[in-house]
């Protein structure tokens, strides 16, 4: 089993050109299934070949995951990784029949994206709320860029100096599956970028190719971005989530509330499917309902 999974991971990395982050996610999810199969082999005292894995075996694994109190979304993500693995097995002639033909995952609970109101965003990003040293200036730019462009945290840390076009006021962003897109930005963000570059040149000696760096010049990690965002979002009461993705949700919700076409927002976000963007239309509808509730007739 491990040998076949290793070949599949190589296929994702070198043929499908998946990002390191995506490949690692596949590896982690599939490792749990490998451990499940190996535990079964230990109990039965014999090997469990790939062609013996059927819908019942996968269903037992799925039930074990659900007993661990994992969310439906997490279980479905792991099943999706396994589904891709067995689809690869069929194409390679390792097995003849795909075991997922008679299997479906748990129903996913629809959760509306968490977002911040514009007034709260402006207050959070105010200059006086950040220190005026290198890290403070960098962190303010990071949060502003996440909010103004809607890019993912992984996309932010992946930006190189050559990806920032100040003249065209556009970022070249590398998203999931290494797909690239251009994301425009406005004059305010341009000014902050220029200021950051000047401070970085002054305060950081050994600068890497990465646009966002630490004080010693090393590339910024997603963990540092996550911590900086979480710290600032902690100042906003009643916020159920405090991650960089909240700023991405806020960007999309604000765009749609201000009349942007959903197809345009989809392209800016880098969604491969319009269905992924459509979830934000539910959020804007909730906003409309709140506005309507102020109507005298709505109170009767």
C-alpha atoms as a PDB file:
ATOM      1  CA  UNK A   1       0.000   0.000   0.000  1.00  0.00           C
ATOM      2  CA  UNK A   2       2.752   2.440   0.946  1.00  0.00           C
ATOM      3  CA  UNK A   3       4.562   1.811  -2.351  1.00  0.00           C
ATOM      4  CA  UNK A   4       1.455   2.652  -4.383  1.00  0.00           C
ATOM      5  CA  UNK A   5       0.705   5.750  -2.318  1.00  0.00           C
ATOM      6  CA  UNK A   6       4.297   6.926  -2.791  1.00  0.00           C
ATOM      7  CA  UNK A   7       3.869   6.625  -6.583  1.00  0.00           C
ATOM      8  CA  UNK A   8       0.612   8.597  -6.366  1.00  0.00           C
ATOM      9  CA  UNK A   9       2.267  11.378  -4.361  1.00  0.00           C
ATOM     10  CA  UNK A  10       5.028  11.557  -6.976  1.00  0.00           C
ATOM     11  CA  UNK A  11       2.353  11.807  -9.676  1.00  0.00           C
ATOM     12  CA  UNK A  12       0.702  14.741  -7.890  1.00  0.00           C
ATOM     13  CA  UNK A  13       3.982  16.532  -7.333  1.00  0.00           C
ATOM     14  CA  UNK A  14       5.732  16.067 -10.673  1.00  0.00           C
ATOM     15  CA  UNK A  15       2.993  15.392 -13.234  1.00  0.00           C
ATOM     16  CA  UNK A  16       0.057  17.375 -11.862  1.00  0.00           C
ATOM     17  CA  UNK A  17       2.404  20.071 -10.514  1.00  0.00           C
ATOM     18  CA  UNK A  18       0.514  20.413  -7.225  1.00  0.00           C
ATOM     19  CA  UNK A  19       1.925  22.800  -4.629  1.00  0.00           C
ATOM     20  CA  UNK A  20       3.941  21.505  -1.671  1.00  0.00           C
ATOM     21  CA  UNK A  21       1.100  22.533   0.658  1.00  0.00           C
ATOM     22  CA  UNK A  22      -1.468  20.492  -1.322  1.00  0.00           C
ATOM     23  CA  UNK A  23       0.805  17.452  -1.631  1.00  0.00           C
ATOM     24  CA  UNK A  24       1.475  17.480   2.117  1.00  0.00           C
ATOM     25  CA  UNK A  25      -2.280  17.634   2.786  1.00  0.00           C
ATOM     26  CA  UNK A  26      -2.788  14.549   0.597  1.00  0.00           C
ATOM     27  CA  UNK A  27       0.059  12.751   2.358  1.00  0.00           C
ATOM     28  CA  UNK A  28      -1.347  13.466   5.818  1.00  0.00           C
ATOM     29  CA  UNK A  29      -4.859  12.296   4.896  1.00  0.00           C
ATOM     30  CA  UNK A  30      -3.673   9.149   3.102  1.00  0.00           C
ATOM     31  CA  UNK A  31      -1.268   8.291   5.925  1.00  0.00           C
ATOM     32  CA  UNK A  32      -4.283   7.909   8.222  1.00  0.00           C
ATOM     33  CA  UNK A  33      -5.840   5.410   5.816  1.00  0.00           C
ATOM     34  CA  UNK A  34      -2.554   3.493   5.521  1.00  0.00           C
ATOM     35  CA  UNK A  35      -2.399   3.243   9.327  1.00  0.00           C
ATOM     36  CA  UNK A  36      -5.981   1.954   9.352  1.00  0.00           C
ATOM     37  CA  UNK A  37      -5.124  -0.768   6.803  1.00  0.00           C
ATOM     38  CA  UNK A  38      -1.939  -1.737   8.659  1.00  0.00           C
ATOM     39  CA  UNK A  39      -3.867  -2.061  11.934  1.00  0.00           C
ATOM     40  CA  UNK A  40      -6.326  -4.328  10.149  1.00  0.00           C
ATOM     41  CA  UNK A  41      -3.443  -6.421   8.775  1.00  0.00           C
ATOM     42  CA  UNK A  42      -2.043  -6.791  12.301  1.00  0.00           C
ATOM     43  CA  UNK A  43      -5.420  -8.002  13.612  1.00  0.00           C
ATOM     44  CA  UNK A  44      -5.985 -10.474  10.777  1.00  0.00           C
ATOM     45  CA  UNK A  45      -2.385 -11.653  10.705  1.00  0.00           C
ATOM     46  CA  UNK A  46      -2.105 -11.347   6.917  1.00  0.00           C
ATOM     47  CA  UNK A  47      -1.493  -8.718   4.264  1.00  0.00           C
ATOM     48  CA  UNK A  48      -4.417  -6.713   2.901  1.00  0.00           C
ATOM     49  CA  UNK A  49      -3.818  -6.092  -0.830  1.00  0.00           C
ATOM     50  CA  UNK A  50      -5.177  -2.998  -2.553  1.00  0.00           C
ATOM     51  CA  UNK A  51      -7.684  -4.961  -4.644  1.00  0.00           C
ATOM     52  CA  UNK A  52      -9.383  -6.198  -1.448  1.00  0.00           C
ATOM     53  CA  UNK A  53     -10.272  -2.673  -0.380  1.00  0.00           C
ATOM     54  CA  UNK A  54     -13.957  -2.192  -1.120  1.00  0.00           C
ATOM     55  CA  UNK A  55     -16.718   0.227  -0.111  1.00  0.00           C
ATOM     56  CA  UNK A  56     -17.280  -1.600   3.201  1.00  0.00           C
ATOM     57  CA  UNK A  57     -13.629  -1.210   4.225  1.00  0.00           C
ATOM     58  CA  UNK A  58     -13.664   2.504   3.384  1.00  0.00           C
ATOM     59  CA  UNK A  59     -16.989   2.907   5.180  1.00  0.00           C
ATOM     60  CA  UNK A  60     -15.461   1.376   8.340  1.00  0.00           C
ATOM     61  CA  UNK A  61     -12.589   3.860   8.122  1.00  0.00           C
ATOM     62  CA  UNK A  62     -15.041   6.715   7.611  1.00  0.00           C
ATOM     63  CA  UNK A  63     -17.065   5.668  10.673  1.00  0.00           C
ATOM     64  CA  UNK A  64     -13.850   5.582  12.706  1.00  0.00           C
ATOM     65  CA  UNK A  65     -13.085   9.148  11.647  1.00  0.00           C
ATOM     66  CA  UNK A  66     -16.560  10.315  12.618  1.00  0.00           C
ATOM     67  CA  UNK A  67     -16.169   8.709  16.057  1.00  0.00           C
ATOM     68  CA  UNK A  68     -13.137  10.976  16.539  1.00  0.00           C
ATOM     69  CA  UNK A  69     -15.586  13.924  16.416  1.00  0.00           C
ATOM     70  CA  UNK A  70     -14.149  15.214  13.150  1.00  0.00           C
ATOM     71  CA  UNK A  71     -16.390  17.588  11.223  1.00  0.00           C
ATOM     72  CA  UNK A  72     -18.199  16.424   8.095  1.00  0.00           C
ATOM     73  CA  UNK A  73     -15.979  18.759   6.071  1.00  0.00           C
ATOM     74  CA  UNK A  74     -12.801  17.133   7.448  1.00  0.00           C
ATOM     75  CA  UNK A  75     -14.087  13.608   6.805  1.00  0.00           C
ATOM     76  CA  UNK A  76     -15.148  14.535   3.274  1.00  0.00           C
ATOM     77  CA  UNK A  77     -11.732  16.064   2.584  1.00  0.00           C
ATOM     78  CA  UNK A  78     -10.016  12.826   3.608  1.00  0.00           C
ATOM     79  CA  UNK A  79     -12.454  10.807   1.498  1.00  0.00           C
ATOM     80  CA  UNK A  80     -11.734  13.091  -1.449  1.00  0.00           C
ATOM     81  CA  UNK A  81      -7.999  12.362  -1.133  1.00  0.00           C
ATOM     82  CA  UNK A  82      -8.725   8.627  -1.004  1.00  0.00           C
ATOM     83  CA  UNK A  83     -11.106   8.922  -3.971  1.00  0.00           C
ATOM     84  CA  UNK A  84      -8.320  10.538  -6.023  1.00  0.00           C
ATOM     85  CA  UNK A  85      -5.913   7.780  -4.980  1.00  0.00           C
ATOM     86  CA  UNK A  86      -8.210   4.986  -6.165  1.00  0.00           C
ATOM     87  CA  UNK A  87      -9.019   6.835  -9.379  1.00  0.00           C
ATOM     88  CA  UNK A  88      -5.251   6.845  -9.987  1.00  0.00           C
ATOM     89  CA  UNK A  89      -5.128   3.106  -9.214  1.00  0.00           C
ATOM     90  CA  UNK A  90      -7.817   2.403 -11.826  1.00  0.00           C
ATOM     91  CA  UNK A  91      -6.022   4.462 -14.485  1.00  0.00           C
ATOM     92  CA  UNK A  92      -2.749   2.681 -13.737  1.00  0.00           C
ATOM     93  CA  UNK A  93      -4.385  -0.755 -13.938  1.00  0.00           C
ATOM     94  CA  UNK A  94      -3.584  -1.538 -10.294  1.00  0.00           C
ATOM     95  CA  UNK A  95      -7.276  -2.274  -9.624  1.00  0.00           C
ATOM     96  CA  UNK A  96     -10.193  -2.853 -11.991  1.00  0.00           C
ATOM     97  CA  UNK A  97     -13.101  -1.365 -10.044  1.00  0.00           C
ATOM     98  CA  UNK A  98     -13.344   1.921  -8.163  1.00  0.00           C
ATOM     99  CA  UNK A  99     -14.621   1.179  -4.612  1.00  0.00           C
ATOM    100  CA  UNK A 100     -16.271   4.603  -4.289  1.00  0.00           C
ATOM    101  CA  UNK A 101     -19.028   3.725  -6.778  1.00  0.00           C
ATOM    102  CA  UNK A 102     -21.285   2.628  -3.901  1.00  0.00           C
ATOM    103  CA  UNK A 103     -20.077   5.120  -1.307  1.00  0.00           C
ATOM    104  CA  UNK A 104     -20.983   8.667  -0.323  1.00  0.00           C
ATOM    105  CA  UNK A 105     -19.559  10.844   2.436  1.00  0.00           C
ATOM    106  CA  UNK A 106     -21.399  12.437   5.366  1.00  0.00           C
ATOM    107  CA  UNK A 107     -23.660  15.359   4.580  1.00  0.00           C
ATOM    108  CA  UNK A 108     -21.743  18.581   4.957  1.00  0.00           C
ATOM    109  CA  UNK A 109     -23.230  21.222   7.211  1.00  0.00           C
ATOM    110  CA  UNK A 110     -23.505  24.530   5.388  1.00  0.00           C
ATOM    111  CA  UNK A 111     -21.670  27.205   7.346  1.00  0.00           C
ATOM    112  CA  UNK A 112     -21.821  30.808   6.194  1.00  0.00           C
ATOM    113  CA  UNK A 113     -18.433  32.535   5.920  1.00  0.00           C
ATOM    114  CA  UNK A 114     -17.372  34.735   8.821  1.00  0.00           C
ATOM    115  CA  UNK A 115     -16.630  38.339   7.824  1.00  0.00           C
ATOM    116  CA  UNK A 116     -15.959  41.765   9.348  1.00  0.00           C
ATOM    117  CA  UNK A 117     -17.914  44.957   8.802  1.00  0.00           C
ATOM    118  CA  UNK A 118     -16.123  47.763   6.969  1.00  0.00           C
ATOM    119  CA  UNK A 119     -16.143  50.104   9.976  1.00  0.00           C
ATOM    120  CA  UNK A 120     -14.391  47.452  12.080  1.00  0.00           C
ATOM    121  CA  UNK A 121     -11.839  46.789   9.329  1.00  0.00           C
ATOM    122  CA  UNK A 122     -10.950  50.478   9.067  1.00  0.00           C
ATOM    123  CA  UNK A 123     -10.506  50.702  12.825  1.00  0.00           C
ATOM    124  CA  UNK A 124      -8.353  47.559  12.915  1.00  0.00           C
ATOM    125  CA  UNK A 125      -6.075  48.717  10.075  1.00  0.00           C
ATOM    126  CA  UNK A 126      -5.597  52.249  11.413  1.00  0.00           C
ATOM    127  CA  UNK A 127      -1.918  53.250  11.462  1.00  0.00           C
ATOM    128  CA  UNK A 128      -1.929  54.032  15.185  1.00  0.00           C
ATOM    129  CA  UNK A 129      -2.732  50.380  15.953  1.00  0.00           C
ATOM    130  CA  UNK A 130       0.651  49.225  14.624  1.00  0.00           C
ATOM    131  CA  UNK A 131       4.194  49.881  15.779  1.00  0.00           C
ATOM    132  CA  UNK A 132       6.334  51.957  13.413  1.00  0.00           C
ATOM    133  CA  UNK A 133       9.248  49.503  13.325  1.00  0.00           C
ATOM    134  CA  UNK A 134       9.863  47.064  10.458  1.00  0.00           C
ATOM    135  CA  UNK A 135       7.589  44.305  11.795  1.00  0.00           C
ATOM    136  CA  UNK A 136       4.716  46.681  12.539  1.00  0.00           C
ATOM    137  CA  UNK A 137       4.871  48.222   9.057  1.00  0.00           C
ATOM    138  CA  UNK A 138       5.112  44.761   7.479  1.00  0.00           C
ATOM    139  CA  UNK A 139       2.200  43.367   9.483  1.00  0.00           C
ATOM    140  CA  UNK A 140      -0.067  46.286   8.637  1.00  0.00           C
ATOM    141  CA  UNK A 141       0.706  45.815   4.940  1.00  0.00           C
ATOM    142  CA  UNK A 142       0.016  42.079   5.214  1.00  0.00           C
ATOM    143  CA  UNK A 143      -3.422  42.627   6.715  1.00  0.00           C
ATOM    144  CA  UNK A 144      -4.246  45.411   4.268  1.00  0.00           C
ATOM    145  CA  UNK A 145      -3.208  43.230   1.327  1.00  0.00           C
ATOM    146  CA  UNK A 146      -5.253  40.254   2.537  1.00  0.00           C
ATOM    147  CA  UNK A 147      -8.303  42.488   2.930  1.00  0.00           C
ATOM    148  CA  UNK A 148      -7.903  44.559  -0.247  1.00  0.00           C
ATOM    149  CA  UNK A 149      -7.042  41.701  -2.633  1.00  0.00           C
ATOM    150  CA  UNK A 150      -8.738  38.665  -1.073  1.00  0.00           C
ATOM    151  CA  UNK A 151      -5.702  36.433  -1.616  1.00  0.00           C
ATOM    152  CA  UNK A 152      -5.072  33.362   0.537  1.00  0.00           C
ATOM    153  CA  UNK A 153      -2.483  33.255   3.316  1.00  0.00           C
ATOM    154  CA  UNK A 154      -0.398  30.722   1.354  1.00  0.00           C
ATOM    155  CA  UNK A 155      -0.539  33.017  -1.681  1.00  0.00           C
ATOM    156  CA  UNK A 156       0.604  35.990   0.386  1.00  0.00           C
ATOM    157  CA  UNK A 157       3.749  34.288   1.710  1.00  0.00           C
ATOM    158  CA  UNK A 158       4.488  32.989  -1.804  1.00  0.00           C
ATOM    159  CA  UNK A 159       4.705  36.467  -3.361  1.00  0.00           C
ATOM    160  CA  UNK A 160       8.142  37.330  -4.769  1.00  0.00           C
ATOM    161  CA  UNK A 161       9.499  40.824  -5.393  1.00  0.00           C
ATOM    162  CA  UNK A 162       9.089  40.204  -9.125  1.00  0.00           C
ATOM    163  CA  UNK A 163       5.367  39.454  -8.602  1.00  0.00           C
ATOM    164  CA  UNK A 164       4.645  43.031  -7.498  1.00  0.00           C
ATOM    165  CA  UNK A 165       4.048  45.392 -10.425  1.00  0.00           C
ATOM    166  CA  UNK A 166       3.791  48.904  -8.999  1.00  0.00           C
ATOM    167  CA  UNK A 167       3.290  50.554 -12.382  1.00  0.00           C
ATOM    168  CA  UNK A 168       0.356  48.322 -13.359  1.00  0.00           C
ATOM    169  CA  UNK A 169      -0.756  48.111  -9.691  1.00  0.00           C
ATOM    170  CA  UNK A 170      -1.168  44.340  -9.888  1.00  0.00           C
ATOM    171  CA  UNK A 171       0.017  41.246  -8.024  1.00  0.00           C
ATOM    172  CA  UNK A 172       0.922  38.009  -9.765  1.00  0.00           C
ATOM    173  CA  UNK A 173      -0.447  35.375  -7.398  1.00  0.00           C
ATOM    174  CA  UNK A 174       0.246  31.642  -7.470  1.00  0.00           C
ATOM    175  CA  UNK A 175      -2.789  29.793  -6.125  1.00  0.00           C
ATOM    176  CA  UNK A 176      -3.895  26.201  -5.728  1.00  0.00           C
ATOM    177  CA  UNK A 177      -2.384  23.698  -8.165  1.00  0.00           C
ATOM    178  CA  UNK A 178       0.144  26.401  -9.053  1.00  0.00           C
ATOM    179  CA  UNK A 179      -2.429  28.325 -11.085  1.00  0.00           C
ATOM    180  CA  UNK A 180      -1.409  31.943 -11.533  1.00  0.00           C
ATOM    181  CA  UNK A 181      -3.653  35.000 -11.750  1.00  0.00           C
ATOM    182  CA  UNK A 182      -3.293  38.772 -11.706  1.00  0.00           C
ATOM    183  CA  UNK A 183      -4.968  40.666  -8.871  1.00  0.00           C
ATOM    184  CA  UNK A 184      -5.250  44.473  -9.086  1.00  0.00           C
ATOM    185  CA  UNK A 185      -4.773  46.810  -6.140  1.00  0.00           C
ATOM    186  CA  UNK A 186      -5.507  50.477  -5.465  1.00  0.00           C
ATOM    187  CA  UNK A 187      -3.417  53.560  -4.747  1.00  0.00           C
ATOM    188  CA  UNK A 188      -3.552  53.233  -0.954  1.00  0.00           C
ATOM    189  CA  UNK A 189      -2.032  49.761  -1.052  1.00  0.00           C
ATOM    190  CA  UNK A 190       0.597  50.938  -3.549  1.00  0.00           C
ATOM    191  CA  UNK A 191       1.731  53.646  -1.122  1.00  0.00           C
ATOM    192  CA  UNK A 192       1.976  51.093   1.696  1.00  0.00           C
ATOM    193  CA  UNK A 193       3.963  48.709  -0.530  1.00  0.00           C
ATOM    194  CA  UNK A 194       6.456  51.433  -1.483  1.00  0.00           C
ATOM    195  CA  UNK A 195       6.831  52.439   2.179  1.00  0.00           C
ATOM    196  CA  UNK A 196       7.398  48.817   3.228  1.00  0.00           C
ATOM    197  CA  UNK A 197      10.034  48.292   0.513  1.00  0.00           C
ATOM    198  CA  UNK A 198      11.912  51.405   1.670  1.00  0.00           C
ATOM    199  CA  UNK A 199      11.839  50.318   5.325  1.00  0.00           C
ATOM    200  CA  UNK A 200      12.826  46.757   4.375  1.00  0.00           C
ATOM    201  CA  UNK A 201      15.794  48.071   2.372  1.00  0.00           C
ATOM    202  CA  UNK A 202      16.847  50.175   5.356  1.00  0.00           C
ATOM    203  CA  UNK A 203      16.353  47.650   8.170  1.00  0.00           C
ATOM    204  CA  UNK A 204      16.869  44.193   6.638  1.00  0.00           C
ATOM    205  CA  UNK A 205      20.340  43.245   5.418  1.00  0.00           C
ATOM    206  CA  UNK A 206      20.012  39.836   3.744  1.00  0.00           C
ATOM    207  CA  UNK A 207      16.782  39.936   1.753  1.00  0.00           C
ATOM    208  CA  UNK A 208      15.569  36.796  -0.032  1.00  0.00           C
ATOM    209  CA  UNK A 209      13.480  36.760  -3.213  1.00  0.00           C
ATOM    210  CA  UNK A 210      10.345  36.676  -1.067  1.00  0.00           C
ATOM    211  CA  UNK A 211       8.444  39.946  -0.805  1.00  0.00           C
ATOM    212  CA  UNK A 212       7.427  39.473   2.830  1.00  0.00           C
ATOM    213  CA  UNK A 213      10.392  38.621   5.055  1.00  0.00           C
ATOM    214  CA  UNK A 214      11.393  38.430   8.699  1.00  0.00           C
ATOM    215  CA  UNK A 215      13.813  40.850  10.334  1.00  0.00           C
ATOM    216  CA  UNK A 216      16.736  38.528   9.483  1.00  0.00           C
ATOM    217  CA  UNK A 217      15.745  38.375   5.799  1.00  0.00           C
ATOM    218  CA  UNK A 218      14.287  34.879   5.800  1.00  0.00           C
ATOM    219  CA  UNK A 219      10.961  34.313   3.992  1.00  0.00           C
ATOM    220  CA  UNK A 220       7.844  34.750   6.085  1.00  0.00           C
ATOM    221  CA  UNK A 221       5.961  31.613   7.124  1.00  0.00           C
ATOM    222  CA  UNK A 222       2.191  31.083   7.081  1.00  0.00           C
ATOM    223  CA  UNK A 223       2.332  30.611  10.862  1.00  0.00           C
ATOM    224  CA  UNK A 224       3.678  34.145  11.377  1.00  0.00           C
ATOM    225  CA  UNK A 225       0.930  35.596   9.182  1.00  0.00           C
ATOM    226  CA  UNK A 226      -1.712  33.554  11.002  1.00  0.00           C
ATOM    227  CA  UNK A 227      -0.485  34.756  14.397  1.00  0.00           C
ATOM    228  CA  UNK A 228      -0.380  38.418  13.311  1.00  0.00           C
ATOM    229  CA  UNK A 229      -3.913  38.255  11.887  1.00  0.00           C
ATOM    230  CA  UNK A 230      -5.316  36.372  14.876  1.00  0.00           C
ATOM    231  CA  UNK A 231      -3.819  38.925  17.252  1.00  0.00           C
ATOM    232  CA  UNK A 232      -5.509  41.834  15.455  1.00  0.00           C
ATOM    233  CA  UNK A 233      -8.839  40.065  14.968  1.00  0.00           C
ATOM    234  CA  UNK A 234      -8.920  39.295  18.699  1.00  0.00           C
ATOM    235  CA  UNK A 235      -9.757  42.965  19.248  1.00  0.00           C
ATOM    236  CA  UNK A 236     -13.061  42.520  17.389  1.00  0.00           C
ATOM    237  CA  UNK A 237     -15.809  41.188  19.704  1.00  0.00           C
ATOM    238  CA  UNK A 238     -18.304  38.478  18.724  1.00  0.00           C
ATOM    239  CA  UNK A 239     -16.091  37.183  15.895  1.00  0.00           C
ATOM    240  CA  UNK A 240     -16.426  33.388  15.670  1.00  0.00           C
ATOM    241  CA  UNK A 241     -13.191  32.865  13.692  1.00  0.00           C
ATOM    242  CA  UNK A 242      -9.878  34.715  13.713  1.00  0.00           C
ATOM    243  CA  UNK A 243      -7.813  33.551  10.752  1.00  0.00           C
ATOM    244  CA  UNK A 244      -6.457  35.116   7.526  1.00  0.00           C
ATOM    245  CA  UNK A 245      -9.374  33.526   5.666  1.00  0.00           C
ATOM    246  CA  UNK A 246     -11.766  35.858   7.508  1.00  0.00           C
ATOM    247  CA  UNK A 247     -10.196  38.760   5.593  1.00  0.00           C
ATOM    248  CA  UNK A 248     -10.657  36.831   2.340  1.00  0.00           C
ATOM    249  CA  UNK A 249     -14.320  36.283   3.243  1.00  0.00           C
ATOM    250  CA  UNK A 250     -14.632  39.979   4.066  1.00  0.00           C
ATOM    251  CA  UNK A 251     -13.161  40.958   0.694  1.00  0.00           C
ATOM    252  CA  UNK A 252     -15.621  38.757  -1.223  1.00  0.00           C
ATOM    253  CA  UNK A 253     -18.634  39.833   0.826  1.00  0.00           C
ATOM    254  CA  UNK A 254     -17.762  43.526   0.442  1.00  0.00           C
ATOM    255  CA  UNK A 255     -17.296  43.172  -3.318  1.00  0.00           C
ATOM    256  CA  UNK A 256     -20.687  41.514  -3.794  1.00  0.00           C
ATOM    257  CA  UNK A 257     -22.439  43.948  -1.452  1.00  0.00           C
ATOM    258  CA  UNK A 258     -21.059  46.812  -3.544  1.00  0.00           C
ATOM    259  CA  UNK A 259     -22.474  45.321  -6.744  1.00  0.00           C
ATOM    260  CA  UNK A 260     -19.557  43.374  -8.244  1.00  0.00           C
ATOM    261  CA  UNK A 261     -20.454  40.533 -10.625  1.00  0.00           C
ATOM    262  CA  UNK A 262     -20.056  37.120  -9.012  1.00  0.00           C
ATOM    263  CA  UNK A 263     -18.025  35.861 -11.991  1.00  0.00           C
ATOM    264  CA  UNK A 264     -15.545  38.725 -11.523  1.00  0.00           C
ATOM    265  CA  UNK A 265     -15.234  37.983  -7.795  1.00  0.00           C
ATOM    266  CA  UNK A 266     -14.646  34.334  -8.660  1.00  0.00           C
ATOM    267  CA  UNK A 267     -11.710  35.292 -10.891  1.00  0.00           C
ATOM    268  CA  UNK A 268     -10.228  37.587  -8.243  1.00  0.00           C
ATOM    269  CA  UNK A 269     -10.456  34.856  -5.600  1.00  0.00           C
ATOM    270  CA  UNK A 270      -9.009  32.214  -7.924  1.00  0.00           C
ATOM    271  CA  UNK A 271     -11.941  29.834  -7.472  1.00  0.00           C
ATOM    272  CA  UNK A 272     -12.077  27.020 -10.031  1.00  0.00           C
ATOM    273  CA  UNK A 273     -15.834  26.682  -9.557  1.00  0.00           C
ATOM    274  CA  UNK A 274     -18.541  29.333  -9.357  1.00  0.00           C
ATOM    275  CA  UNK A 275     -20.180  27.237  -6.614  1.00  0.00           C
ATOM    276  CA  UNK A 276     -17.283  28.109  -4.284  1.00  0.00           C
ATOM    277  CA  UNK A 277     -17.996  31.811  -4.764  1.00  0.00           C
ATOM    278  CA  UNK A 278     -21.774  31.428  -4.524  1.00  0.00           C
ATOM    279  CA  UNK A 279     -21.579  30.874  -0.761  1.00  0.00           C
ATOM    280  CA  UNK A 280     -20.928  34.612  -0.382  1.00  0.00           C
ATOM    281  CA  UNK A 281     -24.267  35.445  -1.996  1.00  0.00           C
ATOM    282  CA  UNK A 282     -25.911  33.831   1.047  1.00  0.00           C
ATOM    283  CA  UNK A 283     -23.955  36.157   3.306  1.00  0.00           C
ATOM    284  CA  UNK A 284     -25.063  39.231   1.386  1.00  0.00           C
ATOM    285  CA  UNK A 285     -28.658  37.986   1.519  1.00  0.00           C
ATOM    286  CA  UNK A 286     -28.347  37.763   5.300  1.00  0.00           C
ATOM    287  CA  UNK A 287     -27.255  41.402   5.262  1.00  0.00           C
ATOM    288  CA  UNK A 288     -30.337  42.315   3.223  1.00  0.00           C
ATOM    289  CA  UNK A 289     -32.550  40.538   5.740  1.00  0.00           C
ATOM    290  CA  UNK A 290     -31.014  42.545   8.591  1.00  0.00           C
ATOM    291  CA  UNK A 291     -31.675  45.766   6.702  1.00  0.00           C
ATOM    292  CA  UNK A 292     -35.256  44.699   6.019  1.00  0.00           C
ATOM    293  CA  UNK A 293     -35.807  43.918   9.700  1.00  0.00           C
ATOM    294  CA  UNK A 294     -35.511  47.653  10.349  1.00  0.00           C
ATOM    295  CA  UNK A 295     -38.700  48.151   8.328  1.00  0.00           C
ATOM    296  CA  UNK A 296     -41.798  48.834  10.493  1.00  0.00           C
ATOM    297  CA  UNK A 297     -43.761  45.990   8.846  1.00  0.00           C
ATOM    298  CA  UNK A 298     -40.966  43.507   9.592  1.00  0.00           C
ATOM    299  CA  UNK A 299     -41.507  44.021  13.324  1.00  0.00           C
ATOM    300  CA  UNK A 300     -45.145  42.955  13.217  1.00  0.00           C
END
